[in-house]
N, C-alpha and C. Protein backbone atom coordinates (compact mmCIF):
# COMPACT_ATOMS: atom_id res chain seq x y z
N MET A 1 0.87 -1.18 0.00
CA MET A 1 0.00 -0.01 0.00
C MET A 1 0.90 1.22 -0.01
N ASN A 2 0.49 2.26 -0.70
CA ASN A 2 1.28 3.48 -0.74
C ASN A 2 0.40 4.67 -0.40
N ASP A 3 1.03 5.84 -0.26
CA ASP A 3 0.24 7.02 0.13
C ASP A 3 -0.60 7.56 -1.01
N ARG A 4 -0.60 6.87 -2.15
CA ARG A 4 -1.48 7.26 -3.26
C ARG A 4 -2.75 6.43 -3.28
N ALA A 5 -2.91 5.50 -2.35
CA ALA A 5 -4.11 4.67 -2.31
C ALA A 5 -5.27 5.55 -1.89
N THR A 6 -6.29 5.63 -2.78
CA THR A 6 -7.41 6.52 -2.50
C THR A 6 -8.76 5.90 -2.88
N VAL A 7 -9.79 6.52 -2.33
CA VAL A 7 -11.18 6.20 -2.69
C VAL A 7 -11.51 7.04 -3.91
N LEU A 8 -11.85 6.39 -5.02
CA LEU A 8 -12.29 7.16 -6.20
C LEU A 8 -13.75 7.51 -6.16
N THR A 9 -14.58 6.47 -5.93
CA THR A 9 -16.03 6.67 -5.90
C THR A 9 -16.66 5.78 -4.81
N ILE A 10 -17.86 6.18 -4.40
CA ILE A 10 -18.62 5.44 -3.36
C ILE A 10 -20.00 5.17 -3.96
N HIS A 11 -20.52 3.95 -3.74
CA HIS A 11 -21.80 3.56 -4.31
C HIS A 11 -22.65 2.81 -3.30
N ILE A 12 -23.94 3.11 -3.27
CA ILE A 12 -24.89 2.41 -2.43
C ILE A 12 -26.13 2.08 -3.25
N ALA A 13 -26.87 1.10 -2.79
CA ALA A 13 -28.17 0.76 -3.39
C ALA A 13 -29.11 0.46 -2.23
N PRO A 14 -30.33 0.96 -2.28
CA PRO A 14 -31.25 0.78 -1.15
C PRO A 14 -31.74 -0.65 -0.96
N THR A 15 -31.86 -1.42 -2.05
CA THR A 15 -32.34 -2.79 -1.99
C THR A 15 -31.61 -3.66 -2.97
N ALA A 16 -31.81 -4.98 -2.88
CA ALA A 16 -31.19 -5.92 -3.77
C ALA A 16 -31.54 -5.59 -5.23
N ALA A 17 -30.59 -5.64 -6.12
CA ALA A 17 -30.77 -5.42 -7.57
C ALA A 17 -31.11 -3.99 -7.95
N ALA A 18 -31.32 -3.12 -6.98
CA ALA A 18 -31.60 -1.71 -7.30
C ALA A 18 -30.33 -1.08 -7.91
N PRO A 19 -30.50 -0.15 -8.79
CA PRO A 19 -29.29 0.50 -9.38
C PRO A 19 -28.43 1.16 -8.29
N MET A 20 -27.14 1.03 -8.44
CA MET A 20 -26.22 1.68 -7.48
C MET A 20 -26.27 3.16 -7.71
N GLN A 21 -26.23 3.91 -6.62
CA GLN A 21 -26.22 5.37 -6.66
C GLN A 21 -24.86 5.84 -6.20
N SER A 22 -24.25 6.75 -6.92
CA SER A 22 -22.98 7.31 -6.53
C SER A 22 -23.20 8.42 -5.50
N VAL A 23 -22.44 8.37 -4.42
CA VAL A 23 -22.52 9.43 -3.39
C VAL A 23 -21.10 9.92 -3.13
N LYS A 24 -21.01 11.19 -2.76
CA LYS A 24 -19.68 11.78 -2.48
C LYS A 24 -19.24 11.53 -1.05
N THR A 25 -20.18 11.44 -0.14
CA THR A 25 -19.89 11.21 1.27
C THR A 25 -20.91 10.24 1.83
N VAL A 26 -20.47 9.40 2.79
CA VAL A 26 -21.39 8.43 3.38
C VAL A 26 -20.97 8.18 4.83
N LYS A 27 -21.97 7.98 5.68
CA LYS A 27 -21.71 7.57 7.05
C LYS A 27 -21.52 6.07 7.08
N VAL A 28 -20.52 5.63 7.82
CA VAL A 28 -20.20 4.22 7.96
C VAL A 28 -20.41 3.79 9.40
N VAL A 29 -21.19 2.72 9.62
CA VAL A 29 -21.54 2.26 10.96
C VAL A 29 -20.83 0.94 11.25
N ALA A 30 -20.12 0.89 12.37
CA ALA A 30 -19.41 -0.33 12.76
C ALA A 30 -20.37 -1.51 12.82
N GLY A 31 -19.94 -2.62 12.24
CA GLY A 31 -20.74 -3.86 12.28
C GLY A 31 -21.93 -3.87 11.35
N GLN A 32 -22.16 -2.79 10.59
CA GLN A 32 -23.31 -2.72 9.68
C GLN A 32 -22.92 -2.37 8.25
N GLY A 33 -22.20 -1.28 8.07
CA GLY A 33 -21.81 -0.87 6.73
C GLY A 33 -22.18 0.55 6.42
N LEU A 34 -22.45 0.82 5.15
CA LEU A 34 -22.74 2.18 4.69
C LEU A 34 -24.21 2.54 4.88
N GLU A 35 -24.43 3.63 5.55
CA GLU A 35 -25.79 4.09 5.81
C GLU A 35 -26.55 4.22 4.47
N GLY A 36 -27.69 3.59 4.40
CA GLY A 36 -28.52 3.68 3.18
C GLY A 36 -28.25 2.55 2.20
N ASP A 37 -27.25 1.71 2.48
CA ASP A 37 -26.96 0.61 1.55
C ASP A 37 -27.74 -0.64 1.91
N ARG A 38 -28.02 -1.45 0.91
CA ARG A 38 -28.85 -2.66 1.06
C ARG A 38 -28.34 -3.61 2.11
N TYR A 39 -27.02 -3.78 2.21
CA TYR A 39 -26.50 -4.73 3.20
C TYR A 39 -26.55 -4.19 4.62
N ALA A 40 -26.35 -2.90 4.78
CA ALA A 40 -26.52 -2.31 6.12
C ALA A 40 -27.97 -2.41 6.57
N ASN A 41 -28.90 -2.39 5.60
CA ASN A 41 -30.34 -2.49 5.91
C ASN A 41 -30.86 -3.93 5.85
N LYS A 42 -29.93 -4.88 5.63
CA LYS A 42 -30.28 -6.34 5.55
C LYS A 42 -31.26 -6.61 4.41
N LEU A 43 -31.11 -5.87 3.30
CA LEU A 43 -31.99 -6.04 2.15
C LEU A 43 -31.22 -6.45 0.89
N GLY A 44 -29.98 -6.90 1.05
CA GLY A 44 -29.16 -7.30 -0.08
C GLY A 44 -29.51 -8.71 -0.58
N THR A 45 -29.14 -9.03 -1.75
CA THR A 45 -29.41 -10.33 -2.35
C THR A 45 -28.94 -11.47 -1.44
N TYR A 46 -27.78 -11.29 -0.80
CA TYR A 46 -27.22 -12.35 0.05
C TYR A 46 -27.28 -12.02 1.54
N SER A 47 -28.15 -11.11 1.93
CA SER A 47 -28.22 -10.72 3.35
C SER A 47 -28.56 -11.88 4.28
N ASN A 48 -29.30 -12.86 3.80
CA ASN A 48 -29.68 -14.00 4.64
C ASN A 48 -28.71 -15.16 4.54
N THR A 49 -27.65 -15.01 3.75
CA THR A 49 -26.65 -16.05 3.61
C THR A 49 -25.55 -15.83 4.63
N PRO A 50 -25.23 -16.82 5.44
CA PRO A 50 -24.16 -16.65 6.44
C PRO A 50 -22.83 -16.31 5.76
N GLY A 51 -22.01 -15.55 6.45
CA GLY A 51 -20.70 -15.23 5.94
C GLY A 51 -20.21 -13.87 6.47
N SER A 52 -18.92 -13.76 6.55
CA SER A 52 -18.32 -12.52 7.05
C SER A 52 -18.15 -11.52 5.92
N GLY A 53 -17.90 -10.30 6.30
CA GLY A 53 -17.54 -9.28 5.33
C GLY A 53 -18.67 -8.75 4.50
N ARG A 54 -19.85 -8.66 5.03
CA ARG A 54 -20.97 -8.08 4.28
C ARG A 54 -21.16 -6.60 4.56
N ASP A 55 -20.29 -6.02 5.40
CA ASP A 55 -20.44 -4.61 5.75
C ASP A 55 -20.20 -3.69 4.53
N VAL A 56 -19.06 -3.86 3.89
CA VAL A 56 -18.67 -3.00 2.76
C VAL A 56 -17.84 -3.82 1.77
N THR A 57 -18.00 -3.51 0.48
CA THR A 57 -17.20 -4.17 -0.54
C THR A 57 -16.38 -3.12 -1.27
N LEU A 58 -15.18 -3.50 -1.66
CA LEU A 58 -14.26 -2.63 -2.42
C LEU A 58 -13.83 -3.32 -3.69
N ILE A 59 -13.48 -2.52 -4.68
CA ILE A 59 -12.89 -3.05 -5.93
C ILE A 59 -11.89 -2.05 -6.44
N GLU A 60 -10.83 -2.55 -7.08
CA GLU A 60 -9.79 -1.71 -7.64
C GLU A 60 -10.25 -1.13 -8.98
N PHE A 61 -10.04 0.16 -9.18
CA PHE A 61 -10.34 0.77 -10.48
C PHE A 61 -9.48 0.13 -11.57
N GLU A 62 -8.29 -0.29 -11.20
CA GLU A 62 -7.41 -0.96 -12.16
C GLU A 62 -8.05 -2.23 -12.73
N THR A 63 -8.88 -2.90 -11.92
CA THR A 63 -9.59 -4.10 -12.39
C THR A 63 -10.65 -3.74 -13.40
N ILE A 64 -11.35 -2.63 -13.17
CA ILE A 64 -12.39 -2.17 -14.12
C ILE A 64 -11.72 -1.83 -15.44
N GLU A 65 -10.57 -1.18 -15.37
CA GLU A 65 -9.83 -0.89 -16.61
C GLU A 65 -9.39 -2.15 -17.34
N ALA A 66 -8.95 -3.18 -16.55
CA ALA A 66 -8.50 -4.42 -17.16
C ALA A 66 -9.66 -5.18 -17.82
N LEU A 67 -10.88 -5.06 -17.29
CA LEU A 67 -12.04 -5.70 -17.91
C LEU A 67 -12.19 -5.23 -19.34
N GLU A 68 -12.04 -3.93 -19.53
CA GLU A 68 -12.19 -3.39 -20.90
C GLU A 68 -10.99 -3.78 -21.76
N ARG A 69 -9.80 -3.65 -21.20
CA ARG A 69 -8.59 -3.93 -21.97
C ARG A 69 -8.46 -5.40 -22.34
N ASP A 70 -8.69 -6.30 -21.37
CA ASP A 70 -8.45 -7.72 -21.58
C ASP A 70 -9.66 -8.51 -22.10
N TYR A 71 -10.88 -8.04 -21.80
CA TYR A 71 -12.08 -8.80 -22.16
C TYR A 71 -13.08 -7.99 -22.98
N GLN A 72 -12.74 -6.76 -23.30
CA GLN A 72 -13.64 -5.88 -24.05
C GLN A 72 -15.01 -5.73 -23.35
N ILE A 73 -14.99 -5.74 -22.02
CA ILE A 73 -16.22 -5.55 -21.26
C ILE A 73 -16.08 -4.18 -20.59
N LYS A 74 -16.96 -3.26 -20.98
CA LYS A 74 -16.93 -1.92 -20.40
C LYS A 74 -18.11 -1.76 -19.45
N ILE A 75 -17.76 -1.54 -18.17
CA ILE A 75 -18.81 -1.28 -17.18
C ILE A 75 -18.38 -0.07 -16.34
N ASP A 76 -19.36 0.67 -15.88
CA ASP A 76 -19.08 1.78 -15.01
C ASP A 76 -18.76 1.28 -13.61
N PRO A 77 -18.01 2.03 -12.82
CA PRO A 77 -17.65 1.58 -11.46
C PRO A 77 -18.85 1.13 -10.62
N GLY A 78 -19.94 1.83 -10.68
CA GLY A 78 -21.13 1.46 -9.90
C GLY A 78 -21.74 0.15 -10.34
N GLN A 79 -21.57 -0.22 -11.61
CA GLN A 79 -22.13 -1.48 -12.09
C GLN A 79 -21.43 -2.69 -11.52
N THR A 80 -20.27 -2.51 -10.90
CA THR A 80 -19.58 -3.66 -10.26
C THR A 80 -20.32 -4.14 -9.03
N ARG A 81 -21.28 -3.33 -8.54
CA ARG A 81 -22.03 -3.64 -7.32
C ARG A 81 -21.17 -3.59 -6.08
N ARG A 82 -19.99 -2.99 -6.17
CA ARG A 82 -19.11 -2.83 -5.01
C ARG A 82 -19.31 -1.42 -4.50
N ASN A 83 -19.17 -1.26 -3.16
CA ASN A 83 -19.44 0.04 -2.53
C ASN A 83 -18.38 1.08 -2.79
N ILE A 84 -17.13 0.67 -2.73
CA ILE A 84 -16.03 1.63 -2.82
C ILE A 84 -15.07 1.22 -3.93
N VAL A 85 -14.78 2.15 -4.83
CA VAL A 85 -13.81 1.92 -5.89
C VAL A 85 -12.54 2.62 -5.48
N THR A 86 -11.43 1.86 -5.47
CA THR A 86 -10.14 2.36 -5.04
C THR A 86 -9.17 2.51 -6.19
N ARG A 87 -8.11 3.23 -5.97
CA ARG A 87 -7.01 3.32 -6.93
C ARG A 87 -5.71 3.21 -6.13
N GLY A 88 -4.74 2.45 -6.69
CA GLY A 88 -3.42 2.33 -6.04
C GLY A 88 -3.36 1.41 -4.85
N LEU A 89 -4.21 0.39 -4.84
CA LEU A 89 -4.32 -0.47 -3.69
C LEU A 89 -4.55 -1.92 -4.11
N ALA A 90 -3.64 -2.84 -3.75
CA ALA A 90 -3.78 -4.27 -4.06
C ALA A 90 -4.70 -4.90 -3.01
N LEU A 91 -5.97 -4.97 -3.29
CA LEU A 91 -6.97 -5.43 -2.31
C LEU A 91 -6.78 -6.88 -1.86
N ASN A 92 -6.40 -7.76 -2.75
CA ASN A 92 -6.26 -9.19 -2.41
C ASN A 92 -5.25 -9.37 -1.26
N HIS A 93 -4.30 -8.47 -1.13
CA HIS A 93 -3.29 -8.59 -0.09
C HIS A 93 -3.82 -8.19 1.30
N LEU A 94 -5.04 -7.66 1.35
CA LEU A 94 -5.57 -7.14 2.62
C LEU A 94 -6.53 -8.06 3.35
N VAL A 95 -6.65 -9.30 2.87
CA VAL A 95 -7.47 -10.27 3.59
C VAL A 95 -6.81 -10.50 4.95
N GLY A 96 -7.58 -10.34 6.03
CA GLY A 96 -7.05 -10.50 7.38
C GLY A 96 -6.36 -9.29 7.96
N GLU A 97 -6.20 -8.25 7.17
CA GLU A 97 -5.51 -7.04 7.60
C GLU A 97 -6.46 -5.94 8.00
N GLU A 98 -6.06 -5.13 8.98
CA GLU A 98 -6.82 -3.93 9.34
C GLU A 98 -6.23 -2.77 8.58
N PHE A 99 -7.10 -1.90 8.08
CA PHE A 99 -6.66 -0.69 7.41
C PHE A 99 -7.70 0.40 7.60
N LYS A 100 -7.30 1.62 7.26
CA LYS A 100 -8.19 2.76 7.44
C LYS A 100 -8.54 3.37 6.10
N ILE A 101 -9.83 3.72 6.03
CA ILE A 101 -10.34 4.50 4.89
C ILE A 101 -10.71 5.83 5.52
N GLY A 102 -9.81 6.81 5.38
CA GLY A 102 -9.98 8.04 6.13
C GLY A 102 -9.93 7.69 7.61
N GLU A 103 -11.03 8.03 8.36
CA GLU A 103 -11.07 7.75 9.79
C GLU A 103 -11.70 6.41 10.11
N VAL A 104 -12.26 5.75 9.14
CA VAL A 104 -12.97 4.49 9.34
C VAL A 104 -11.97 3.32 9.37
N VAL A 105 -12.10 2.46 10.37
CA VAL A 105 -11.21 1.29 10.48
C VAL A 105 -11.95 0.04 10.04
N VAL A 106 -11.35 -0.71 9.13
CA VAL A 106 -11.94 -1.92 8.61
C VAL A 106 -10.94 -3.07 8.66
N ARG A 107 -11.47 -4.29 8.53
CA ARG A 107 -10.63 -5.49 8.40
C ARG A 107 -11.04 -6.25 7.16
N GLY A 108 -10.08 -6.59 6.34
CA GLY A 108 -10.35 -7.41 5.16
C GLY A 108 -10.81 -8.79 5.60
N ALA A 109 -12.04 -9.17 5.20
CA ALA A 109 -12.62 -10.46 5.63
C ALA A 109 -12.34 -11.58 4.63
N ARG A 110 -12.60 -11.30 3.37
CA ARG A 110 -12.42 -12.32 2.33
C ARG A 110 -12.57 -11.64 0.96
N LEU A 111 -12.13 -12.38 -0.07
CA LEU A 111 -12.28 -11.84 -1.41
C LEU A 111 -13.76 -11.77 -1.77
N CYS A 112 -14.08 -10.85 -2.61
CA CYS A 112 -15.48 -10.67 -3.09
C CYS A 112 -15.56 -11.25 -4.48
N GLU A 113 -15.68 -12.57 -4.53
CA GLU A 113 -15.74 -13.24 -5.82
C GLU A 113 -17.03 -12.91 -6.58
N PRO A 114 -16.98 -12.84 -7.87
CA PRO A 114 -18.16 -12.49 -8.67
C PRO A 114 -19.18 -13.64 -8.64
N CYS A 115 -20.44 -13.29 -8.87
CA CYS A 115 -21.50 -14.25 -8.85
C CYS A 115 -22.37 -14.12 -10.10
N SER A 116 -23.25 -15.07 -10.29
CA SER A 116 -24.14 -15.03 -11.47
C SER A 116 -25.10 -13.83 -11.39
N HIS A 117 -25.45 -13.43 -10.16
CA HIS A 117 -26.33 -12.26 -9.97
C HIS A 117 -25.66 -11.02 -10.58
N LEU A 118 -24.36 -10.85 -10.35
CA LEU A 118 -23.63 -9.72 -10.91
C LEU A 118 -23.65 -9.77 -12.43
N GLU A 119 -23.41 -10.95 -12.98
CA GLU A 119 -23.42 -11.08 -14.44
C GLU A 119 -24.78 -10.80 -15.02
N GLN A 120 -25.85 -11.23 -14.34
CA GLN A 120 -27.21 -10.94 -14.81
C GLN A 120 -27.50 -9.45 -14.88
N LEU A 121 -26.89 -8.69 -13.94
CA LEU A 121 -27.13 -7.23 -13.88
C LEU A 121 -26.17 -6.44 -14.76
N THR A 122 -25.15 -7.09 -15.32
CA THR A 122 -24.14 -6.32 -16.10
C THR A 122 -23.99 -6.88 -17.50
N ALA A 123 -22.98 -7.72 -17.71
CA ALA A 123 -22.67 -8.18 -19.07
C ALA A 123 -22.17 -9.62 -19.04
N LYS A 124 -22.44 -10.33 -20.11
CA LYS A 124 -21.94 -11.69 -20.24
C LYS A 124 -20.40 -11.69 -20.17
N GLY A 125 -19.87 -12.61 -19.36
CA GLY A 125 -18.43 -12.72 -19.22
C GLY A 125 -17.86 -12.03 -17.99
N VAL A 126 -18.66 -11.21 -17.32
CA VAL A 126 -18.17 -10.48 -16.15
C VAL A 126 -17.77 -11.46 -15.04
N MET A 127 -18.55 -12.49 -14.81
CA MET A 127 -18.25 -13.41 -13.74
C MET A 127 -16.90 -14.10 -13.96
N ARG A 128 -16.70 -14.63 -15.15
CA ARG A 128 -15.44 -15.30 -15.47
C ARG A 128 -14.25 -14.36 -15.40
N SER A 129 -14.42 -13.17 -15.88
CA SER A 129 -13.29 -12.24 -15.95
C SER A 129 -12.92 -11.62 -14.60
N LEU A 130 -13.79 -11.70 -13.61
CA LEU A 130 -13.50 -11.13 -12.29
C LEU A 130 -13.07 -12.17 -11.25
N VAL A 131 -12.93 -13.42 -11.64
CA VAL A 131 -12.49 -14.43 -10.68
C VAL A 131 -11.17 -14.03 -10.05
N HIS A 132 -11.10 -14.04 -8.76
CA HIS A 132 -9.93 -13.68 -7.94
C HIS A 132 -9.52 -12.22 -8.03
N ARG A 133 -10.34 -11.40 -8.67
CA ARG A 133 -10.06 -9.96 -8.70
C ARG A 133 -11.36 -9.16 -8.67
N GLY A 134 -12.37 -9.74 -8.05
CA GLY A 134 -13.68 -9.09 -7.95
C GLY A 134 -13.82 -8.15 -6.76
N GLY A 135 -12.74 -7.99 -5.99
CA GLY A 135 -12.78 -7.08 -4.89
C GLY A 135 -12.56 -7.72 -3.55
N LEU A 136 -12.86 -6.94 -2.50
CA LEU A 136 -12.61 -7.35 -1.12
C LEU A 136 -13.83 -7.04 -0.28
N ARG A 137 -14.21 -7.98 0.57
CA ARG A 137 -15.27 -7.76 1.54
C ARG A 137 -14.61 -7.36 2.84
N VAL A 138 -15.13 -6.32 3.49
CA VAL A 138 -14.55 -5.89 4.75
C VAL A 138 -15.62 -5.77 5.84
N GLU A 139 -15.11 -5.90 7.08
CA GLU A 139 -15.96 -5.66 8.25
C GLU A 139 -15.54 -4.31 8.81
N VAL A 140 -16.54 -3.51 9.20
CA VAL A 140 -16.25 -2.18 9.78
C VAL A 140 -16.05 -2.34 11.28
N LEU A 141 -14.84 -1.97 11.74
CA LEU A 141 -14.49 -2.08 13.16
C LEU A 141 -14.77 -0.78 13.90
N ALA A 142 -14.54 0.36 13.23
CA ALA A 142 -14.80 1.69 13.83
C ALA A 142 -15.37 2.58 12.73
N GLY A 143 -16.55 3.07 12.95
CA GLY A 143 -17.27 3.86 11.94
C GLY A 143 -16.80 5.29 11.86
N GLY A 144 -17.50 6.05 11.02
CA GLY A 144 -17.21 7.46 10.80
C GLY A 144 -17.80 7.87 9.49
N VAL A 145 -17.20 8.85 8.87
CA VAL A 145 -17.65 9.35 7.57
C VAL A 145 -16.51 9.21 6.58
N ILE A 146 -16.82 8.73 5.39
CA ILE A 146 -15.82 8.71 4.32
C ILE A 146 -16.35 9.47 3.14
N GLN A 147 -15.41 9.93 2.33
CA GLN A 147 -15.79 10.68 1.12
C GLN A 147 -14.86 10.30 -0.03
N ALA A 148 -15.30 10.58 -1.23
CA ALA A 148 -14.46 10.38 -2.39
C ALA A 148 -13.18 11.19 -2.23
N GLY A 149 -12.06 10.60 -2.60
CA GLY A 149 -10.77 11.26 -2.45
C GLY A 149 -10.05 10.88 -1.17
N GLU A 150 -10.73 10.15 -0.27
CA GLU A 150 -10.16 9.75 1.01
C GLU A 150 -8.90 8.92 0.79
N ILE A 151 -7.91 9.07 1.67
CA ILE A 151 -6.69 8.28 1.62
C ILE A 151 -6.90 6.99 2.39
N ILE A 152 -6.34 5.90 1.89
CA ILE A 152 -6.43 4.58 2.52
C ILE A 152 -5.04 4.24 3.05
N THR A 153 -4.98 3.86 4.33
CA THR A 153 -3.70 3.54 4.98
C THR A 153 -3.83 2.30 5.86
N LEU A 154 -2.69 1.64 6.14
CA LEU A 154 -2.71 0.55 7.06
C LEU A 154 -3.04 1.08 8.46
N ALA A 155 -3.88 0.37 9.20
CA ALA A 155 -4.25 0.79 10.54
C ALA A 155 -3.16 0.38 11.51
N PRO A 156 -2.88 1.20 12.52
CA PRO A 156 -1.89 0.78 13.52
C PRO A 156 -2.39 -0.42 14.28
N PRO A 157 -1.50 -1.28 14.76
CA PRO A 157 -1.94 -2.46 15.52
C PRO A 157 -2.74 -2.03 16.76
N GLN A 158 -3.80 -2.76 17.04
CA GLN A 158 -4.65 -2.45 18.22
C GLN A 158 -3.97 -2.98 19.47
N ARG A 159 -3.98 -2.18 20.54
CA ARG A 159 -3.43 -2.64 21.82
C ARG A 159 -4.47 -3.54 22.49
N ARG A 160 -3.99 -4.62 23.01
CA ARG A 160 -4.90 -5.60 23.64
C ARG A 160 -4.79 -5.54 25.13
């Protein structure tokens, strides 16, 4: 991670399959996610499926660029169905790691592998092309407010 790792865009959807809405600023609640988002409201497609990391999802903008370059699939950042689009950050390396998005502290829970639901809402081939690079699911440990342009940094170790 470097000091150029930033939040490019933020996206929320009120319910499952609803179009993602781009927001410049959002309140983040520990243990829940982004205020107004389907997963924070327990209204997401997979809200009733057990599993960690449903608070917030992230994806690298570099991956969105690679979709077009390598697979000729052009989708807007919000169409990825991920909440936060980053730049300059290798998300796969953050599984199990704590880091900060501005003042918000999160922990990488697991990779956000693509699903058939995503492909149904976007374009044929999206699922196959995003395997192992579909983003990161995180748990929110300490909430706050984040905005587009926010810097992403490793969180200091917590004292026990």
